[in-house]
Amino acid sequence: DYGWDQRGRLLERFPDIRLDDNATPFFRSADRARLVVTDHPGTSMLELLATNRPSIHFWDRTLWELRPEAEPAFDLLRRAGIVHDTPEAAAAQALRVHGDVRSWWLSPEVQEARRAFTALYASTSNSWLDDWKHAILGR
């Protein structure tokens, strides 16, 4: 919070808002949600995509720049409605899919984009230790 009192400021402006108090572990909260929305391209976004949890992500691209070589993978997520450049666009997508999040999330376009992205930036494996050894040692 760095002294910004974000919680207090949000509650003052939106008294009926429900805020996560971080007392519940992240994945337990995510499992209880039909849809998770994040506001930055951080670890939580990668974990949600890697574990195939329905999610929408947005951020200010002037604050969170992407490497040029990463743009095509993020463009796939944009076309699938997973990533947005503004909070308004993310909110509009959330409203569009709200009635049937599961159908949207499990659609071929969304799943193909998610799989292509996670293969590059959030890969998971049951044999991760062997995979790392192979990558590091070249064997």
C-alpha atoms as a PDB file:
ATOM      1  CA  ASP A   1       0.000   0.000   0.000  1.00  0.00           C
ATOM      2  CA  TYR A   2       3.017   2.274   0.546  1.00  0.00           C
ATOM      3  CA  GLY A   3       0.957   4.711   2.637  1.00  0.00           C
ATOM      4  CA  TRP A   4      -1.708   5.297  -0.019  1.00  0.00           C
ATOM      5  CA  ASP A   5      -4.550   3.824   2.093  1.00  0.00           C
ATOM      6  CA  GLN A   6      -5.979   2.237  -1.021  1.00  0.00           C
ATOM      7  CA  ARG A   7      -8.466   0.168   0.966  1.00  0.00           C
ATOM      8  CA  GLY A   8      -9.841   3.211   2.786  1.00  0.00           C
ATOM      9  CA  ARG A   9      -9.998   5.285  -0.376  1.00  0.00           C
ATOM     10  CA  LEU A  10     -11.873   2.550  -2.256  1.00  0.00           C
ATOM     11  CA  LEU A  11     -14.339   2.057   0.595  1.00  0.00           C
ATOM     12  CA  GLU A  12     -14.935   5.797   0.835  1.00  0.00           C
ATOM     13  CA  ARG A  13     -15.712   6.050  -2.862  1.00  0.00           C
ATOM     14  CA  PHE A  14     -17.504   2.684  -3.204  1.00  0.00           C
ATOM     15  CA  PRO A  15     -18.967   1.802   0.230  1.00  0.00           C
ATOM     16  CA  ASP A  16     -20.626  -1.410  -1.021  1.00  0.00           C
ATOM     17  CA  ILE A  17     -17.504  -2.855  -2.640  1.00  0.00           C
ATOM     18  CA  ARG A  18     -16.262  -6.223  -1.403  1.00  0.00           C
ATOM     19  CA  LEU A  19     -12.498  -6.313  -1.001  1.00  0.00           C
ATOM     20  CA  ASP A  20     -10.271  -9.325  -0.554  1.00  0.00           C
ATOM     21  CA  ASP A  21      -8.503  -9.096   2.810  1.00  0.00           C
ATOM     22  CA  ASN A  22      -5.757 -11.501   1.682  1.00  0.00           C
ATOM     23  CA  ALA A  23      -6.521 -13.786   4.638  1.00  0.00           C
ATOM     24  CA  THR A  24      -7.469 -16.574   2.229  1.00  0.00           C
ATOM     25  CA  PRO A  25      -4.733 -18.078   0.051  1.00  0.00           C
ATOM     26  CA  PHE A  26      -4.827 -16.820  -3.537  1.00  0.00           C
ATOM     27  CA  PHE A  27      -5.815 -20.087  -5.225  1.00  0.00           C
ATOM     28  CA  ARG A  28      -8.538 -20.812  -2.690  1.00  0.00           C
ATOM     29  CA  SER A  29     -10.061 -17.416  -3.487  1.00  0.00           C
ATOM     30  CA  ALA A  30      -9.587 -18.000  -7.223  1.00  0.00           C
ATOM     31  CA  ASP A  31     -11.296 -21.371  -6.975  1.00  0.00           C
ATOM     32  CA  ARG A  32     -14.350 -19.765  -5.384  1.00  0.00           C
ATOM     33  CA  ALA A  33     -14.611 -17.120  -8.125  1.00  0.00           C
ATOM     34  CA  ARG A  34     -16.262 -17.687 -11.477  1.00  0.00           C
ATOM     35  CA  LEU A  35     -13.919 -15.101 -12.976  1.00  0.00           C
ATOM     36  CA  VAL A  36     -10.736 -13.459 -11.656  1.00  0.00           C
ATOM     37  CA  VAL A  37      -9.656 -10.016 -12.885  1.00  0.00           C
ATOM     38  CA  THR A  38      -6.111  -8.718 -12.456  1.00  0.00           C
ATOM     39  CA  ASP A  39      -4.722  -5.253 -13.103  1.00  0.00           C
ATOM     40  CA  HIS A  40      -1.092  -6.016 -13.958  1.00  0.00           C
ATOM     41  CA  PRO A  41       0.881  -8.626 -15.906  1.00  0.00           C
ATOM     42  CA  GLY A  42       2.436 -10.310 -12.891  1.00  0.00           C
ATOM     43  CA  THR A  43       2.814 -13.736 -11.374  1.00  0.00           C
ATOM     44  CA  SER A  44      -0.880 -14.045 -10.517  1.00  0.00           C
ATOM     45  CA  MET A  45      -1.787 -13.658 -14.197  1.00  0.00           C
ATOM     46  CA  LEU A  46       0.721 -16.342 -15.199  1.00  0.00           C
ATOM     47  CA  GLU A  47      -0.477 -18.711 -12.474  1.00  0.00           C
ATOM     48  CA  LEU A  48      -4.130 -18.239 -13.391  1.00  0.00           C
ATOM     49  CA  LEU A  49      -3.444 -18.945 -17.052  1.00  0.00           C
ATOM     50  CA  ALA A  50      -1.144 -21.894 -16.325  1.00  0.00           C
ATOM     51  CA  THR A  51      -3.745 -23.497 -14.064  1.00  0.00           C
ATOM     52  CA  ASN A  52      -6.575 -22.763 -16.523  1.00  0.00           C
ATOM     53  CA  ARG A  53      -8.645 -20.589 -14.200  1.00  0.00           C
ATOM     54  CA  PRO A  54     -11.051 -18.186 -15.952  1.00  0.00           C
ATOM     55  CA  SER A  55      -9.511 -14.735 -15.852  1.00  0.00           C
ATOM     56  CA  ILE A  56      -9.384 -11.331 -17.490  1.00  0.00           C
ATOM     57  CA  HIS A  57      -6.300  -9.140 -17.286  1.00  0.00           C
ATOM     58  CA  PHE A  58      -5.674  -5.464 -17.969  1.00  0.00           C
ATOM     59  CA  TRP A  59      -2.961  -2.923 -17.296  1.00  0.00           C
ATOM     60  CA  ASP A  60      -1.610   0.421 -18.370  1.00  0.00           C
ATOM     61  CA  ARG A  61       0.859  -0.433 -21.130  1.00  0.00           C
ATOM     62  CA  THR A  62       2.828   2.742 -20.467  1.00  0.00           C
ATOM     63  CA  LEU A  63       3.578   1.462 -16.959  1.00  0.00           C
ATOM     64  CA  TRP A  64       3.984  -2.231 -17.778  1.00  0.00           C
ATOM     65  CA  GLU A  65       5.832  -2.504 -21.055  1.00  0.00           C
ATOM     66  CA  LEU A  66       6.211  -5.772 -22.918  1.00  0.00           C
ATOM     67  CA  ARG A  67       9.244  -6.973 -24.790  1.00  0.00           C
ATOM     68  CA  PRO A  68       8.591  -6.712 -28.542  1.00  0.00           C
ATOM     69  CA  GLU A  69       9.089 -10.460 -29.000  1.00  0.00           C
ATOM     70  CA  ALA A  70       6.325 -11.131 -26.437  1.00  0.00           C
ATOM     71  CA  GLU A  71       3.726  -9.015 -28.253  1.00  0.00           C
ATOM     72  CA  PRO A  72       2.433 -11.801 -30.577  1.00  0.00           C
ATOM     73  CA  ALA A  73       1.597 -14.063 -27.622  1.00  0.00           C
ATOM     74  CA  PHE A  74      -0.176 -11.224 -25.815  1.00  0.00           C
ATOM     75  CA  ASP A  75      -2.011 -10.328 -29.032  1.00  0.00           C
ATOM     76  CA  LEU A  76      -3.445 -13.871 -29.064  1.00  0.00           C
ATOM     77  CA  LEU A  77      -4.727 -13.291 -25.527  1.00  0.00           C
ATOM     78  CA  ARG A  78      -6.185  -9.933 -26.589  1.00  0.00           C
ATOM     79  CA  ARG A  79      -8.042 -11.454 -29.545  1.00  0.00           C
ATOM     80  CA  ALA A  80      -9.450 -14.140 -27.237  1.00  0.00           C
ATOM     81  CA  GLY A  81     -10.731 -11.483 -24.816  1.00  0.00           C
ATOM     82  CA  ILE A  82      -8.373 -12.474 -22.000  1.00  0.00           C
ATOM     83  CA  VAL A  83      -6.093  -9.409 -22.040  1.00  0.00           C
ATOM     84  CA  HIS A  84      -7.241  -5.794 -22.358  1.00  0.00           C
ATOM     85  CA  ASP A  85      -5.476  -2.454 -22.516  1.00  0.00           C
ATOM     86  CA  THR A  86      -7.949  -0.518 -20.365  1.00  0.00           C
ATOM     87  CA  PRO A  87     -10.056  -1.240 -17.298  1.00  0.00           C
ATOM     88  CA  GLU A  88     -13.133  -0.243 -19.295  1.00  0.00           C
ATOM     89  CA  ALA A  89     -12.415  -2.852 -21.971  1.00  0.00           C
ATOM     90  CA  ALA A  90     -11.807  -5.496 -19.292  1.00  0.00           C
ATOM     91  CA  ALA A  91     -15.072  -4.545 -17.560  1.00  0.00           C
ATOM     92  CA  ALA A  92     -16.971  -4.744 -20.859  1.00  0.00           C
ATOM     93  CA  GLN A  93     -15.557  -8.240 -21.453  1.00  0.00           C
ATOM     94  CA  ALA A  94     -16.480  -9.313 -17.929  1.00  0.00           C
ATOM     95  CA  LEU A  95     -20.044  -8.136 -18.567  1.00  0.00           C
ATOM     96  CA  ARG A  96     -20.144  -9.969 -21.924  1.00  0.00           C
ATOM     97  CA  VAL A  97     -19.119 -13.314 -20.429  1.00  0.00           C
ATOM     98  CA  HIS A  98     -20.707 -12.921 -16.980  1.00  0.00           C
ATOM     99  CA  GLY A  99     -23.745 -15.036 -17.820  1.00  0.00           C
ATOM    100  CA  ASP A 100     -21.691 -18.014 -18.976  1.00  0.00           C
ATOM    101  CA  VAL A 101     -18.027 -17.641 -18.055  1.00  0.00           C
ATOM    102  CA  ARG A 102     -17.358 -21.347 -18.471  1.00  0.00           C
ATOM    103  CA  SER A 103     -18.484 -21.496 -22.119  1.00  0.00           C
ATOM    104  CA  TRP A 104     -16.347 -18.488 -23.011  1.00  0.00           C
ATOM    105  CA  TRP A 105     -13.306 -19.776 -21.114  1.00  0.00           C
ATOM    106  CA  LEU A 106     -13.524 -23.287 -22.558  1.00  0.00           C
ATOM    107  CA  SER A 107     -14.080 -22.074 -26.128  1.00  0.00           C
ATOM    108  CA  PRO A 108     -11.450 -23.235 -28.627  1.00  0.00           C
ATOM    109  CA  GLU A 109     -10.209 -19.681 -29.303  1.00  0.00           C
ATOM    110  CA  VAL A 110      -9.625 -18.926 -25.615  1.00  0.00           C
ATOM    111  CA  GLN A 111      -8.043 -22.280 -24.851  1.00  0.00           C
ATOM    112  CA  GLU A 112      -5.768 -22.174 -27.914  1.00  0.00           C
ATOM    113  CA  ALA A 113      -4.567 -18.663 -27.002  1.00  0.00           C
ATOM    114  CA  ARG A 114      -4.060 -19.660 -23.372  1.00  0.00           C
ATOM    115  CA  ARG A 115      -2.126 -22.809 -24.285  1.00  0.00           C
ATOM    116  CA  ALA A 116       0.091 -20.990 -26.790  1.00  0.00           C
ATOM    117  CA  PHE A 117       0.860 -18.275 -24.249  1.00  0.00           C
ATOM    118  CA  THR A 118       1.549 -20.608 -21.351  1.00  0.00           C
ATOM    119  CA  ALA A 119       3.799 -22.804 -23.489  1.00  0.00           C
ATOM    120  CA  LEU A 120       6.046 -19.763 -23.893  1.00  0.00           C
ATOM    121  CA  TYR A 121       5.670 -17.890 -20.596  1.00  0.00           C
ATOM    122  CA  ALA A 122       4.018 -20.069 -17.943  1.00  0.00           C
ATOM    123  CA  SER A 123       4.868 -23.638 -18.772  1.00  0.00           C
ATOM    124  CA  THR A 124       4.145 -26.337 -16.220  1.00  0.00           C
ATOM    125  CA  SER A 125       5.390 -29.887 -16.071  1.00  0.00           C
ATOM    126  CA  ASN A 126       5.252 -32.855 -13.738  1.00  0.00           C
ATOM    127  CA  SER A 127       8.900 -33.473 -14.614  1.00  0.00           C
ATOM    128  CA  TRP A 128      10.015 -29.873 -14.085  1.00  0.00           C
ATOM    129  CA  LEU A 129      13.273 -30.802 -12.370  1.00  0.00           C
ATOM    130  CA  ASP A 130      14.366 -32.975 -15.282  1.00  0.00           C
ATOM    131  CA  ASP A 131      13.241 -30.270 -17.702  1.00  0.00           C
ATOM    132  CA  TRP A 132      15.352 -27.672 -15.873  1.00  0.00           C
ATOM    133  CA  LYS A 133      18.360 -30.001 -15.778  1.00  0.00           C
ATOM    134  CA  HIS A 134      18.042 -30.567 -19.495  1.00  0.00           C
ATOM    135  CA  ALA A 135      17.751 -26.834 -20.198  1.00  0.00           C
ATOM    136  CA  ILE A 136      20.722 -25.945 -17.983  1.00  0.00           C
ATOM    137  CA  LEU A 137      23.036 -28.850 -18.751  1.00  0.00           C
ATOM    138  CA  GLY A 138      21.959 -29.486 -22.311  1.00  0.00           C
ATOM    139  CA  ARG A 139      21.377 -33.188 -21.772  1.00  0.00           C
END
